[in-house]
N, C-alpha and C. Protein backbone atom coordinates (compact mmCIF):
# COMPACT_ATOMS: atom_id res chain seq x y z
N MET A 1 8.64 -11.56 25.88
CA MET A 1 9.87 -11.08 25.28
C MET A 1 9.77 -11.28 23.78
N ASP A 2 9.38 -10.25 23.10
CA ASP A 2 9.19 -10.33 21.66
C ASP A 2 10.49 -10.47 20.89
N PHE A 3 11.61 -10.15 21.49
CA PHE A 3 12.85 -10.18 20.73
C PHE A 3 13.57 -11.53 20.79
N VAL A 4 13.10 -12.45 21.62
CA VAL A 4 13.66 -13.80 21.65
C VAL A 4 12.77 -14.66 20.76
N VAL A 5 13.37 -15.21 19.71
CA VAL A 5 12.63 -16.01 18.74
C VAL A 5 12.96 -17.47 18.97
N ALA A 6 11.93 -18.27 19.12
CA ALA A 6 12.11 -19.72 19.33
C ALA A 6 11.57 -20.48 18.12
N GLU A 7 12.32 -21.48 17.69
CA GLU A 7 11.91 -22.30 16.56
C GLU A 7 11.96 -23.77 16.96
N ILE A 8 10.89 -24.48 16.69
CA ILE A 8 10.85 -25.93 16.94
C ILE A 8 10.77 -26.61 15.59
N ASP A 9 11.75 -27.45 15.29
CA ASP A 9 11.83 -28.16 14.02
C ASP A 9 12.04 -29.64 14.29
N GLY A 10 12.54 -30.32 13.30
CA GLY A 10 12.84 -31.73 13.43
C GLY A 10 11.64 -32.59 13.11
N THR A 11 11.67 -33.79 13.62
CA THR A 11 10.60 -34.75 13.37
C THR A 11 9.84 -35.02 14.64
N GLU A 12 8.80 -35.82 14.51
CA GLU A 12 7.98 -36.18 15.68
C GLU A 12 8.80 -36.94 16.72
N THR A 13 9.71 -37.78 16.25
CA THR A 13 10.52 -38.59 17.18
C THR A 13 11.80 -37.90 17.61
N ALA A 14 12.27 -36.91 16.83
CA ALA A 14 13.51 -36.21 17.17
C ALA A 14 13.32 -34.70 16.95
N PRO A 15 12.57 -34.05 17.84
CA PRO A 15 12.38 -32.61 17.67
C PRO A 15 13.66 -31.83 18.00
N THR A 16 13.78 -30.68 17.40
CA THR A 16 14.90 -29.79 17.69
C THR A 16 14.35 -28.44 18.13
N PHE A 17 15.10 -27.82 18.97
CA PHE A 17 14.70 -26.51 19.49
C PHE A 17 15.85 -25.55 19.26
N ARG A 18 15.55 -24.40 18.71
CA ARG A 18 16.57 -23.38 18.45
C ARG A 18 15.99 -22.03 18.84
N TRP A 19 16.81 -21.20 19.47
CA TRP A 19 16.37 -19.85 19.81
C TRP A 19 17.48 -18.86 19.50
N TYR A 20 17.09 -17.62 19.25
CA TYR A 20 18.06 -16.56 19.01
C TYR A 20 17.41 -15.23 19.34
N VAL A 21 18.25 -14.23 19.49
CA VAL A 21 17.78 -12.87 19.78
C VAL A 21 17.74 -12.10 18.47
N ASP A 22 16.58 -11.61 18.12
CA ASP A 22 16.41 -10.79 16.91
C ASP A 22 16.86 -9.37 17.26
N ALA A 23 18.00 -8.96 16.70
CA ALA A 23 18.61 -7.68 17.06
C ALA A 23 17.70 -6.49 16.72
N ASP A 24 17.02 -6.55 15.60
CA ASP A 24 16.13 -5.43 15.22
C ASP A 24 14.97 -5.30 16.18
N ARG A 25 14.35 -6.42 16.54
CA ARG A 25 13.23 -6.38 17.50
C ARG A 25 13.70 -5.88 18.86
N ARG A 26 14.89 -6.34 19.26
CA ARG A 26 15.43 -5.93 20.56
C ARG A 26 15.69 -4.42 20.58
N GLN A 27 16.27 -3.90 19.51
CA GLN A 27 16.54 -2.47 19.46
C GLN A 27 15.25 -1.66 19.50
N THR A 28 14.25 -2.12 18.78
CA THR A 28 12.95 -1.43 18.79
C THR A 28 12.36 -1.44 20.19
N LEU A 29 12.44 -2.57 20.87
CA LEU A 29 11.92 -2.68 22.23
C LEU A 29 12.70 -1.78 23.19
N GLU A 30 14.02 -1.74 23.04
CA GLU A 30 14.83 -0.87 23.91
C GLU A 30 14.47 0.60 23.72
N GLN A 31 14.19 0.99 22.49
CA GLN A 31 13.89 2.40 22.22
C GLN A 31 12.48 2.79 22.62
N THR A 32 11.58 1.82 22.70
CA THR A 32 10.18 2.17 22.97
C THR A 32 9.70 1.79 24.36
N ARG A 33 10.23 0.71 24.96
CA ARG A 33 9.64 0.23 26.21
C ARG A 33 10.62 0.02 27.36
N LEU A 34 11.74 -0.61 27.12
CA LEU A 34 12.64 -1.00 28.21
C LEU A 34 13.28 0.22 28.85
N GLY A 35 13.49 0.16 30.16
CA GLY A 35 14.12 1.25 30.89
C GLY A 35 13.19 2.39 31.23
N ARG A 36 11.93 2.25 30.99
CA ARG A 36 10.97 3.31 31.29
C ARG A 36 10.42 3.14 32.69
N ARG A 37 10.02 4.22 33.28
CA ARG A 37 9.37 4.19 34.60
C ARG A 37 7.97 4.75 34.46
N VAL A 38 7.09 4.19 35.24
CA VAL A 38 5.73 4.71 35.29
C VAL A 38 5.56 5.37 36.65
N LEU A 39 5.24 6.65 36.64
CA LEU A 39 5.04 7.40 37.88
C LEU A 39 3.55 7.62 38.08
N CYS A 40 3.06 7.25 39.23
CA CYS A 40 1.65 7.44 39.57
C CYS A 40 1.56 8.52 40.64
N THR A 41 0.65 9.43 40.47
CA THR A 41 0.51 10.52 41.43
C THR A 41 -0.94 10.98 41.51
N ASP A 42 -1.26 11.63 42.61
CA ASP A 42 -2.58 12.24 42.73
C ASP A 42 -2.48 13.76 42.56
N ARG A 43 -1.33 14.23 42.11
CA ARG A 43 -1.11 15.66 41.87
C ARG A 43 -1.55 16.02 40.45
N HIS A 44 -2.86 16.03 40.23
CA HIS A 44 -3.40 16.25 38.89
C HIS A 44 -3.14 17.66 38.36
N SER A 45 -2.91 18.59 39.24
CA SER A 45 -2.69 19.97 38.80
C SER A 45 -1.23 20.21 38.39
N TRP A 46 -0.32 19.27 38.71
CA TRP A 46 1.08 19.44 38.37
C TRP A 46 1.32 19.09 36.91
N SER A 47 2.31 19.75 36.30
CA SER A 47 2.72 19.41 34.94
C SER A 47 3.58 18.14 34.99
N SER A 48 3.73 17.52 33.86
CA SER A 48 4.58 16.31 33.78
C SER A 48 6.01 16.63 34.20
N GLU A 49 6.50 17.80 33.80
CA GLU A 49 7.86 18.19 34.15
C GLU A 49 8.03 18.32 35.66
N ARG A 50 7.03 18.88 36.32
CA ARG A 50 7.11 19.06 37.77
C ARG A 50 7.07 17.71 38.50
N ILE A 51 6.26 16.79 38.00
CA ILE A 51 6.19 15.45 38.60
C ILE A 51 7.53 14.74 38.48
N VAL A 52 8.13 14.81 37.30
CA VAL A 52 9.43 14.17 37.08
C VAL A 52 10.49 14.82 37.95
N ALA A 53 10.47 16.14 38.06
CA ALA A 53 11.45 16.84 38.90
C ALA A 53 11.31 16.44 40.37
N ALA A 54 10.08 16.30 40.83
CA ALA A 54 9.86 15.87 42.22
C ALA A 54 10.37 14.46 42.44
N PHE A 55 10.14 13.58 41.48
CA PHE A 55 10.63 12.20 41.59
C PHE A 55 12.15 12.18 41.63
N ARG A 56 12.78 12.94 40.75
CA ARG A 56 14.24 12.97 40.71
C ARG A 56 14.81 13.59 41.98
N GLY A 57 14.14 14.61 42.50
CA GLY A 57 14.60 15.23 43.75
C GLY A 57 14.55 14.25 44.90
N GLN A 58 13.46 13.48 44.98
CA GLN A 58 13.34 12.47 46.03
C GLN A 58 14.43 11.42 45.87
N TRP A 59 14.68 11.01 44.63
CA TRP A 59 15.71 9.99 44.39
C TRP A 59 17.07 10.53 44.82
N ASN A 60 17.36 11.81 44.54
CA ASN A 60 18.66 12.38 44.92
C ASN A 60 18.84 12.39 46.43
N VAL A 61 17.81 12.74 47.17
CA VAL A 61 17.90 12.74 48.64
C VAL A 61 18.13 11.32 49.15
N GLU A 62 17.39 10.35 48.60
CA GLU A 62 17.58 8.97 49.02
C GLU A 62 18.99 8.48 48.72
N GLU A 63 19.53 8.88 47.57
CA GLU A 63 20.90 8.50 47.21
C GLU A 63 21.91 9.11 48.17
N LEU A 64 21.69 10.35 48.58
CA LEU A 64 22.59 10.98 49.55
C LEU A 64 22.58 10.23 50.88
N PHE A 65 21.41 9.80 51.32
CA PHE A 65 21.34 9.04 52.57
C PHE A 65 22.05 7.69 52.43
N ARG A 66 21.89 7.03 51.28
CA ARG A 66 22.59 5.76 51.06
C ARG A 66 24.09 5.96 51.13
N ARG A 67 24.57 7.01 50.48
CA ARG A 67 26.02 7.28 50.50
C ARG A 67 26.50 7.64 51.90
N ALA A 68 25.70 8.42 52.61
CA ALA A 68 26.10 8.82 53.96
C ALA A 68 26.21 7.61 54.87
N LYS A 69 25.30 6.68 54.72
CA LYS A 69 25.34 5.48 55.55
C LYS A 69 26.58 4.64 55.25
N LYS A 70 27.00 4.63 53.97
CA LYS A 70 28.17 3.84 53.58
C LYS A 70 29.47 4.56 53.89
N GLY A 71 29.40 5.85 54.16
CA GLY A 71 30.62 6.61 54.41
C GLY A 71 31.13 7.26 53.14
N GLY A 72 30.23 7.63 52.25
CA GLY A 72 30.61 8.20 50.95
C GLY A 72 30.77 9.70 50.99
N VAL A 73 29.90 10.40 50.32
CA VAL A 73 30.02 11.84 50.10
C VAL A 73 30.10 12.62 51.40
N ALA A 74 29.17 12.42 52.29
CA ALA A 74 29.16 13.13 53.57
C ALA A 74 28.91 12.12 54.68
N PRO A 75 29.93 11.37 55.02
CA PRO A 75 29.71 10.31 56.02
C PRO A 75 29.36 10.90 57.37
N TRP A 76 28.47 10.25 58.04
CA TRP A 76 28.16 10.68 59.39
C TRP A 76 28.48 9.53 60.33
N GLY A 77 29.24 9.87 61.32
CA GLY A 77 29.60 8.87 62.31
C GLY A 77 28.54 8.82 63.38
N PRO A 78 28.87 8.22 64.48
CA PRO A 78 27.91 8.17 65.57
C PRO A 78 27.54 9.58 66.01
N SER A 79 26.27 9.78 66.24
CA SER A 79 25.80 11.08 66.67
C SER A 79 25.50 11.01 68.16
N PHE A 80 26.07 11.92 68.91
CA PHE A 80 25.93 11.87 70.36
C PHE A 80 24.95 12.90 70.90
N GLN A 81 24.07 13.41 70.05
CA GLN A 81 23.07 14.34 70.53
C GLN A 81 22.01 13.57 71.32
N HIS A 82 21.52 14.19 72.37
CA HIS A 82 20.55 13.52 73.23
C HIS A 82 19.14 14.06 73.09
N ALA A 83 18.94 15.00 72.20
CA ALA A 83 17.60 15.55 72.00
C ALA A 83 17.24 15.44 70.52
N ASP A 84 15.97 15.27 70.25
CA ASP A 84 15.51 15.12 68.87
C ASP A 84 15.91 16.32 68.02
N GLY A 85 15.80 17.51 68.56
CA GLY A 85 16.15 18.72 67.81
C GLY A 85 17.61 18.71 67.38
N SER A 86 18.49 18.28 68.25
CA SER A 86 19.92 18.24 67.92
C SER A 86 20.19 17.21 66.83
N LEU A 87 19.52 16.07 66.91
CA LEU A 87 19.70 15.04 65.91
C LEU A 87 19.16 15.50 64.56
N ARG A 88 18.03 16.19 64.56
CA ARG A 88 17.49 16.72 63.30
C ARG A 88 18.44 17.75 62.70
N LEU A 89 19.00 18.60 63.53
CA LEU A 89 19.94 19.61 63.05
C LEU A 89 21.18 18.95 62.46
N HIS A 90 21.70 17.93 63.12
CA HIS A 90 22.87 17.20 62.63
C HIS A 90 22.58 16.58 61.26
N THR A 91 21.41 15.94 61.13
CA THR A 91 21.02 15.33 59.86
C THR A 91 20.86 16.38 58.77
N PHE A 92 20.20 17.48 59.10
CA PHE A 92 19.99 18.56 58.14
C PHE A 92 21.33 19.12 57.67
N ALA A 93 22.24 19.38 58.60
CA ALA A 93 23.54 19.93 58.24
C ALA A 93 24.33 18.95 57.36
N THR A 94 24.21 17.67 57.65
CA THR A 94 24.92 16.67 56.85
C THR A 94 24.40 16.64 55.43
N VAL A 95 23.08 16.67 55.27
CA VAL A 95 22.49 16.64 53.92
C VAL A 95 22.81 17.91 53.16
N ILE A 96 22.66 19.06 53.80
CA ILE A 96 22.96 20.34 53.14
C ILE A 96 24.45 20.40 52.76
N GLY A 97 25.28 19.95 53.66
CA GLY A 97 26.72 19.98 53.39
C GLY A 97 27.11 19.09 52.21
N SER A 98 26.39 18.00 52.01
CA SER A 98 26.73 17.10 50.90
C SER A 98 26.22 17.63 49.57
N CYS A 99 25.28 18.57 49.61
CA CYS A 99 24.74 19.16 48.36
C CYS A 99 25.67 20.21 47.78
N TRP A 100 26.53 20.78 48.60
CA TRP A 100 27.41 21.85 48.12
C TRP A 100 28.58 21.25 47.53
């Protein structure tokens, strides 16, 4: 943490310790490094924009499922379908319905 500055002063028998946050260093770090994500992919033929769009799209779908489980945007209650196809259709309709 380059923006936290520590100073040790005093004497050999009575040392003192002081620390503070250097606002300029912190701002520089926030603008250049903090809050960044590193995306790793094997899609070498994709542009950077396409990779970021795919990541954001995946995040949006995951967020919809989190909300649905909590009862948010498109809550789904107990599903009483007895076949995999029916359950897939119910899930698909729920996700599509929450996008509109």
